[in-house]
Amino acid sequence: MKRMLILVVIAILTGPLYADEAVLIDFTLLKADIHVKVSEDDENDKPNQNRQTMMDFSHVAGGSFTTEQKSVMKTSLAIDNWEVSLASSARSVQNISLSYTREAPSKQFDTVLGVRIHFPVEPHNSWATIKPPFEIPAYEPAADIDDEGNIRASQEGGNGITSRSRFESQEDNAPAYGVVKNMGVLRSVAVNVYGLNFPHGLSTLLIDNEGNTKTIFMGFLNFDGWGELIWNNPAYIQEVRNRDLRLYPMYPASTPFIKFGGFMIQRDASKQGGDFITYFKDVRIIYDKAVLDTERDIEDEALWEIILTRETARKVWEMERFGQNQVLRYLESQKKATELPFDHPDRQQDQR
């Protein structure tokens, strides 16, 4: 019996490791499902925001705005809010206006992220990134969100540090909204993407807990229909006995995490420019846990609140950064002309 136990222990220590798998982000969950007013006189009732990922940036807008103006300073990860940013050499007025995201009805997946990018037609290298409207917060407490997009702290949500935050998976083995905690070594990344025979390259952007962005090249989109592009970490060491084993202090070291930062599309100078279309369903990862889930005799964080203080400061910085950008966009939207162009068919019909 003792010999069998020893053999089992040796097999565990020297055999292959089985990492965790998680859906980092699933775009089918980011469909607009509530309507939030974009102006004080907005009477449209078409859904334009995603309830689960709503964020309110009115508290960083300053004191010069009215209560009504602050009430519409909200945004979410709804698919239509995602941004397409072109390389500086490609940012002409035409290219920018023809590069955007849309909800794409799919027979297989209901709704997915649709992307249109207008690359320069001239023969030179170019790229574009597809990013969320704000950097996804790693620590955002659970909240109750009504049909108007108003956010209220949940009584059972905790503080987002010691409990499951709003952009994590809401249930075990369920898709996340862009954040996976307790992330050790990244083993593999898979992207479910729809190709239309474009010869462009696709990269996935991941942000770690230190704020560093990793660009992972997934492959080329020169295929037709849904396909899975997979990246396997070439530095991943399978055998435990070959790893550099170290002991690290467990507290107050913050549990490492990874956030979804977006996609990058790269177009080679020798390939066709102009319009590019693709669709994304989800991003999945396989990773080793940083810390094993074990029962602790003393709840360190509940006693000292070191991580809470540190991550609250980081969260405030993240909110201020994206909030200032959203305020500027709101001001710009309020300055836009509302009249129809002179050559618009409806205007010409009214003049008749």
Protein backbone atom coordinates (compact mmCIF):
# COMPACT_ATOMS: atom_id res chain seq x y z
CA MET A 1 0.00 0.00 0.00
CA LYS A 2 2.82 2.38 0.88
CA ARG A 3 4.57 1.59 -2.41
CA MET A 4 1.40 2.36 -4.36
CA LEU A 5 1.04 5.69 -2.56
CA ILE A 6 4.64 6.61 -3.40
CA LEU A 7 4.07 5.78 -7.07
CA VAL A 8 0.95 7.97 -7.16
CA VAL A 9 2.86 10.90 -5.64
CA ILE A 10 5.71 10.47 -8.14
CA ALA A 11 3.23 10.37 -11.03
CA ILE A 12 1.64 13.61 -9.85
CA LEU A 13 4.96 15.40 -9.46
CA THR A 14 6.55 14.25 -12.71
CA GLY A 15 3.55 13.80 -14.97
CA PRO A 16 1.78 16.35 -17.15
CA LEU A 17 -0.10 19.26 -15.62
CA TYR A 18 -3.75 19.94 -16.27
CA ALA A 19 -4.40 23.65 -16.52
CA ASP A 20 -7.69 25.51 -16.17
CA GLU A 21 -9.71 26.65 -19.17
CA ALA A 22 -11.79 29.84 -19.24
CA VAL A 23 -13.71 31.98 -21.73
CA LEU A 24 -11.99 35.35 -21.37
CA ILE A 25 -14.70 37.19 -23.31
CA ASP A 26 -17.81 36.09 -25.18
CA PHE A 27 -19.24 38.69 -27.57
CA THR A 28 -22.63 36.98 -27.67
CA LEU A 29 -23.10 38.29 -24.11
CA LEU A 30 -22.40 41.91 -25.14
CA LYS A 31 -25.56 42.43 -27.15
CA ALA A 32 -27.35 45.70 -26.36
CA ASP A 33 -30.27 44.85 -24.06
CA ILE A 34 -31.25 48.18 -22.43
CA HIS A 35 -31.74 51.72 -23.70
CA VAL A 36 -29.81 54.57 -22.07
CA LYS A 37 -30.50 58.11 -23.20
CA VAL A 38 -27.68 59.68 -25.21
CA SER A 39 -29.10 63.19 -24.82
CA GLU A 40 -31.68 64.97 -22.70
CA ASP A 41 -34.30 64.89 -25.48
CA ASP A 42 -33.64 61.32 -26.61
CA GLU A 43 -37.00 59.59 -27.15
CA ASN A 44 -35.68 56.49 -28.91
CA ASP A 45 -36.27 53.20 -27.14
CA LYS A 46 -33.96 50.96 -29.18
CA PRO A 47 -31.43 49.11 -26.95
CA ASN A 48 -28.00 50.75 -27.13
CA GLN A 49 -26.13 49.52 -24.01
CA ASN A 50 -25.24 46.22 -22.34
CA ARG A 51 -26.69 45.93 -18.85
CA GLN A 52 -24.01 43.72 -17.24
CA THR A 53 -21.06 45.93 -18.31
CA MET A 54 -22.54 49.40 -17.67
CA MET A 55 -20.14 52.00 -16.27
CA ASP A 56 -20.96 55.48 -14.96
CA PHE A 57 -18.32 58.19 -15.49
CA SER A 58 -20.34 61.21 -14.35
CA HIS A 59 -18.46 61.47 -11.03
CA VAL A 60 -15.27 62.49 -12.89
CA ALA A 61 -17.01 64.99 -15.15
CA GLY A 62 -16.59 67.98 -12.86
CA GLY A 63 -19.08 70.42 -11.38
CA SER A 64 -19.89 72.42 -14.52
CA PHE A 65 -22.44 69.91 -15.82
CA THR A 66 -26.11 69.77 -14.97
CA THR A 67 -27.77 66.79 -13.32
CA GLU A 68 -29.48 65.98 -16.62
CA GLN A 69 -26.18 66.02 -18.48
CA LYS A 70 -24.50 63.77 -15.93
CA SER A 71 -27.39 61.31 -16.12
CA VAL A 72 -26.45 60.38 -19.70
CA MET A 73 -22.71 60.01 -19.07
CA LYS A 74 -22.77 56.23 -19.12
CA THR A 75 -21.28 53.61 -21.39
CA SER A 76 -20.83 49.84 -21.60
CA LEU A 77 -19.11 47.08 -23.56
CA ALA A 78 -22.03 46.91 -25.98
CA ILE A 79 -20.68 45.85 -29.37
CA ASP A 80 -21.51 49.12 -31.16
CA ASN A 81 -19.39 51.02 -28.61
CA TRP A 82 -16.14 49.24 -29.49
CA GLU A 83 -13.50 51.33 -31.22
CA VAL A 84 -11.44 50.77 -34.36
CA SER A 85 -8.16 52.69 -34.25
CA LEU A 86 -6.02 52.90 -37.39
CA ALA A 87 -2.27 53.37 -37.70
CA SER A 88 -1.28 57.03 -37.80
CA SER A 89 -0.37 56.83 -41.48
CA ALA A 90 -3.83 55.47 -42.30
CA ARG A 91 -5.97 57.99 -40.39
CA SER A 92 -7.57 59.82 -43.26
CA VAL A 93 -11.13 61.10 -42.88
CA GLN A 94 -12.46 58.43 -45.23
CA ASN A 95 -10.62 55.55 -43.56
CA ILE A 96 -11.74 56.61 -40.08
CA SER A 97 -15.39 57.07 -41.06
CA LEU A 98 -15.48 53.65 -42.75
CA SER A 99 -13.92 51.76 -39.82
CA TYR A 100 -16.33 50.71 -37.05
CA THR A 101 -17.99 47.79 -35.24
CA ARG A 102 -21.57 46.48 -35.46
CA GLU A 103 -23.72 43.78 -33.93
CA ALA A 104 -23.78 40.95 -36.48
CA PRO A 105 -26.70 38.48 -36.45
CA SER A 106 -25.33 34.94 -36.68
CA LYS A 107 -27.36 31.81 -37.47
CA GLN A 108 -24.98 29.78 -35.33
CA PHE A 109 -24.24 32.12 -32.40
CA ASP A 110 -27.14 34.63 -32.33
CA THR A 111 -25.10 37.88 -32.15
CA VAL A 112 -21.35 38.38 -32.63
CA LEU A 113 -18.89 41.26 -32.99
CA GLY A 114 -18.75 42.49 -36.59
CA VAL A 115 -15.82 44.66 -37.68
CA ARG A 116 -15.29 46.80 -40.76
CA ILE A 117 -11.87 48.34 -41.37
CA HIS A 118 -10.97 50.50 -44.35
CA PHE A 119 -7.24 50.18 -44.96
CA PRO A 120 -5.35 52.50 -47.32
CA VAL A 121 -5.33 51.27 -50.91
CA GLU A 122 -1.71 52.36 -51.35
CA PRO A 123 0.91 49.57 -51.15
CA HIS A 124 2.37 50.04 -47.66
CA ASN A 125 2.11 48.15 -44.38
CA SER A 126 -0.74 49.10 -42.10
CA TRP A 127 -2.57 47.92 -39.00
CA ALA A 128 -5.67 48.60 -36.95
CA THR A 129 -6.76 47.73 -33.41
CA ILE A 130 -10.24 46.80 -32.21
CA LYS A 131 -10.58 47.79 -28.57
CA PRO A 132 -13.30 48.15 -25.94
CA PRO A 133 -14.56 51.70 -25.28
CA PHE A 134 -12.66 51.70 -21.97
CA GLU A 135 -10.03 49.54 -20.33
CA ILE A 136 -11.96 46.74 -18.65
CA PRO A 137 -11.74 47.16 -14.85
CA ALA A 138 -10.19 44.22 -13.03
CA TYR A 139 -11.90 45.09 -9.73
CA GLU A 140 -15.46 46.28 -10.12
CA PRO A 141 -17.96 45.37 -7.38
CA ALA A 142 -21.15 43.57 -8.30
CA ALA A 143 -24.03 45.98 -8.88
CA ASP A 144 -27.73 46.13 -9.63
CA ILE A 145 -28.46 47.93 -12.92
CA ASP A 146 -31.94 49.06 -13.88
CA ASP A 147 -33.46 49.51 -17.34
CA GLU A 148 -32.18 53.11 -17.57
CA GLY A 149 -28.58 52.08 -16.89
CA ASN A 150 -28.47 53.44 -13.33
CA ILE A 151 -25.89 51.56 -11.26
CA ARG A 152 -26.45 50.75 -7.60
CA ALA A 153 -24.06 48.80 -5.40
CA SER A 154 -25.31 45.30 -4.74
CA GLN A 155 -25.96 44.35 -1.13
CA GLU A 156 -24.37 40.94 -1.71
CA GLY A 157 -21.68 42.01 -4.13
CA GLY A 158 -18.79 42.66 -1.74
CA ASN A 159 -16.13 45.15 -2.80
CA GLY A 160 -14.89 43.51 -6.00
CA ILE A 161 -11.56 42.67 -4.35
CA THR A 162 -12.47 39.91 -1.93
CA SER A 163 -15.46 38.74 -3.99
CA ARG A 164 -16.22 38.03 -7.63
CA SER A 165 -16.20 41.30 -9.56
CA ARG A 166 -18.65 42.31 -12.27
CA PHE A 167 -16.40 41.65 -15.27
CA GLU A 168 -15.39 38.19 -14.14
CA SER A 169 -17.32 35.01 -14.78
CA GLN A 170 -20.54 35.30 -12.80
CA GLU A 171 -20.79 31.54 -12.24
CA ASP A 172 -18.28 28.72 -12.18
CA ASN A 173 -17.29 27.67 -15.73
CA ALA A 174 -19.35 30.52 -17.23
CA PRO A 175 -17.90 33.02 -19.76
CA ALA A 176 -16.21 36.11 -18.34
CA TYR A 177 -16.65 39.70 -19.47
CA GLY A 178 -12.96 40.33 -20.08
CA VAL A 179 -11.21 39.47 -16.79
CA VAL A 180 -9.81 36.18 -15.45
CA LYS A 181 -8.27 36.16 -11.97
CA ASN A 182 -5.69 33.83 -10.36
CA MET A 183 -3.79 33.64 -13.66
CA GLY A 184 -0.39 31.97 -13.50
CA VAL A 185 1.39 30.83 -16.67
CA LEU A 186 -0.57 31.28 -19.89
CA ARG A 187 -0.53 28.05 -21.83
CA SER A 188 -2.79 28.60 -24.84
CA VAL A 189 -5.12 31.14 -26.47
CA ALA A 190 -7.92 30.40 -28.95
CA VAL A 191 -10.01 32.88 -30.95
CA ASN A 192 -13.24 31.89 -32.68
CA VAL A 193 -13.21 34.14 -35.75
CA TYR A 194 -15.00 34.29 -39.10
CA GLY A 195 -12.71 34.53 -42.12
CA LEU A 196 -13.53 35.85 -45.58
CA ASN A 197 -10.31 34.82 -47.33
CA PHE A 198 -8.50 38.02 -46.39
CA PRO A 199 -4.71 37.51 -46.16
CA HIS A 200 -4.40 39.75 -43.10
CA GLY A 201 -2.85 38.72 -39.77
CA LEU A 202 -4.70 38.60 -36.45
CA SER A 203 -3.21 39.26 -33.01
CA THR A 204 -4.85 39.18 -29.57
CA LEU A 205 -4.02 41.88 -27.01
CA LEU A 206 -3.88 40.80 -23.36
CA ILE A 207 -3.19 43.07 -20.36
CA ASP A 208 -1.63 41.63 -17.19
CA ASN A 209 -1.91 42.85 -13.60
CA GLU A 210 1.19 45.03 -14.04
CA GLY A 211 -0.47 46.94 -16.89
CA ASN A 212 1.73 45.41 -19.59
CA THR A 213 0.08 44.64 -22.92
CA LYS A 214 1.08 41.38 -24.62
CA THR A 215 0.52 41.09 -28.37
CA ILE A 216 -0.03 37.44 -29.34
CA PHE A 217 0.00 36.64 -33.05
CA MET A 218 -2.77 34.12 -33.78
CA GLY A 219 -2.38 33.56 -37.53
CA PHE A 220 -3.85 34.68 -40.85
CA LEU A 221 -7.50 35.05 -41.84
CA ASN A 222 -7.19 33.53 -45.31
CA PHE A 223 -10.03 31.03 -44.84
CA ASP A 224 -13.80 31.06 -45.37
CA GLY A 225 -16.31 30.69 -42.54
CA TRP A 226 -15.87 30.15 -38.81
CA GLY A 227 -12.48 28.92 -37.70
CA GLU A 228 -10.42 28.63 -34.53
CA LEU A 229 -7.01 30.26 -34.49
CA ILE A 230 -4.83 28.83 -31.70
CA TRP A 231 -1.61 30.06 -30.11
CA ASN A 232 0.37 27.71 -27.87
CA ASN A 233 2.96 29.21 -25.54
CA PRO A 234 6.36 27.96 -26.76
CA ALA A 235 7.89 28.75 -23.34
CA TYR A 236 5.39 26.65 -21.41
CA ILE A 237 7.18 23.88 -19.48
CA GLN A 238 5.02 20.79 -19.21
CA GLU A 239 7.11 18.74 -16.78
CA VAL A 240 7.13 19.94 -13.17
CA ARG A 241 10.66 18.61 -12.57
CA ASN A 242 11.97 20.91 -15.32
CA ARG A 243 10.41 24.03 -13.84
CA ASP A 244 12.19 26.62 -11.71
CA LEU A 245 10.41 26.01 -8.40
CA ARG A 246 10.25 28.97 -6.04
CA LEU A 247 8.34 30.02 -2.94
CA TYR A 248 6.58 33.40 -3.00
CA PRO A 249 4.90 35.29 -0.13
CA MET A 250 1.16 34.64 -0.35
CA TYR A 251 -0.10 37.83 1.32
CA PRO A 252 -0.37 40.72 0.61
CA ALA A 253 0.80 39.83 -2.90
CA SER A 254 -2.10 40.60 -5.23
CA THR A 255 -3.58 37.66 -7.11
CA PRO A 256 -2.44 38.05 -10.73
CA PHE A 257 -5.05 38.46 -13.43
CA ILE A 258 -5.35 38.96 -17.17
CA LYS A 259 -7.64 41.34 -19.06
CA PHE A 260 -8.77 41.38 -22.66
CA GLY A 261 -7.27 44.38 -24.44
CA GLY A 262 -8.61 43.89 -27.97
CA PHE A 263 -7.49 42.63 -31.36
CA MET A 264 -4.97 43.84 -33.92
CA ILE A 265 -5.36 43.35 -37.66
CA GLN A 266 -2.15 43.64 -39.72
CA ARG A 267 -2.18 44.25 -43.45
CA ASP A 268 0.92 43.60 -45.55
CA ALA A 269 1.93 46.14 -48.19
CA SER A 270 1.78 43.51 -50.93
CA LYS A 271 -1.83 42.58 -50.10
CA GLN A 272 -5.07 44.21 -51.15
CA GLY A 273 -6.14 47.33 -49.25
CA GLY A 274 -9.53 48.95 -48.89
CA ASP A 275 -12.42 47.39 -46.99
CA PHE A 276 -11.82 44.46 -44.62
CA ILE A 277 -14.60 42.57 -42.86
CA THR A 278 -14.47 39.95 -40.11
CA TYR A 279 -16.48 38.66 -37.12
CA PHE A 280 -15.52 37.45 -33.62
CA LYS A 281 -17.39 35.10 -31.32
CA ASP A 282 -15.13 34.62 -28.28
CA VAL A 283 -11.61 34.36 -26.84
CA ARG A 284 -10.66 31.36 -24.68
CA ILE A 285 -7.52 30.71 -22.64
CA ILE A 286 -5.85 27.76 -20.91
CA TYR A 287 -3.66 28.68 -17.94
CA ASP A 288 -2.04 27.44 -14.75
CA LYS A 289 -3.45 28.74 -11.49
CA ALA A 290 -1.24 31.18 -9.61
CA VAL A 291 -2.52 30.08 -6.18
CA LEU A 292 -4.34 26.90 -5.22
CA ASP A 293 -7.85 27.30 -3.84
CA THR A 294 -7.46 26.25 -0.22
CA GLU A 295 -9.23 26.94 3.03
CA ARG A 296 -7.33 29.48 5.14
CA ASP A 297 -7.42 29.54 8.95
CA ILE A 298 -7.31 33.36 9.02
CA GLU A 299 -8.91 35.69 6.47
CA ASP A 300 -5.88 37.94 5.92
CA GLU A 301 -7.59 40.49 3.67
CA ALA A 302 -10.61 40.88 5.96
CA LEU A 303 -8.19 41.77 8.80
CA TRP A 304 -5.63 44.01 7.08
CA GLU A 305 -7.38 45.26 3.88
CA ILE A 306 -4.02 45.84 2.18
CA ILE A 307 -5.17 44.57 -1.22
CA LEU A 308 -8.43 46.51 -0.93
CA THR A 309 -6.59 49.79 -0.38
CA ARG A 310 -4.12 49.13 -3.19
CA GLU A 311 -6.66 48.00 -5.78
CA THR A 312 -9.19 50.69 -4.90
CA ALA A 313 -6.56 53.31 -5.75
CA ARG A 314 -5.85 51.53 -9.04
CA LYS A 315 -9.55 51.32 -9.85
CA VAL A 316 -10.03 55.06 -9.21
CA TRP A 317 -7.14 55.78 -11.59
CA GLU A 318 -8.68 53.55 -14.26
CA MET A 319 -12.09 55.19 -13.85
CA GLU A 320 -10.66 58.71 -14.09
CA ARG A 321 -8.69 57.87 -17.21
CA PHE A 322 -11.55 56.39 -19.17
CA GLY A 323 -14.04 58.82 -17.65
CA GLN A 324 -12.21 61.88 -18.94
CA ASN A 325 -12.21 60.46 -22.46
CA GLN A 326 -15.93 59.72 -22.23
CA VAL A 327 -16.66 63.26 -21.03
CA LEU A 328 -14.80 64.72 -24.00
CA ARG A 329 -16.76 62.45 -26.36
CA TYR A 330 -20.01 63.48 -24.73
CA LEU A 331 -19.16 67.17 -25.19
CA GLU A 332 -18.26 66.54 -28.83
CA SER A 333 -21.54 64.70 -29.43
CA GLN A 334 -23.46 67.66 -28.00
CA LYS A 335 -21.74 70.02 -30.46
CA LYS A 336 -22.63 67.96 -33.52
CA ALA A 337 -24.98 69.53 -36.05
CA THR A 338 -28.45 67.99 -35.99
CA GLU A 339 -29.65 69.36 -39.34
CA LEU A 340 -29.73 67.11 -42.38
CA PRO A 341 -27.17 67.79 -45.16
CA PHE A 342 -28.35 69.98 -48.04
CA ASP A 343 -28.29 67.06 -50.48
CA HIS A 344 -30.11 64.60 -48.19
CA PRO A 345 -33.21 63.11 -49.93
CA ASP A 346 -35.51 63.84 -46.94
CA ARG A 347 -34.45 67.49 -46.88
CA GLN A 348 -34.98 67.91 -50.61
CA GLN A 349 -38.40 66.27 -50.34
CA ASP A 350 -39.44 68.69 -47.57
CA GLN A 351 -38.39 71.65 -49.71
CA ARG A 352 -40.67 70.48 -52.48
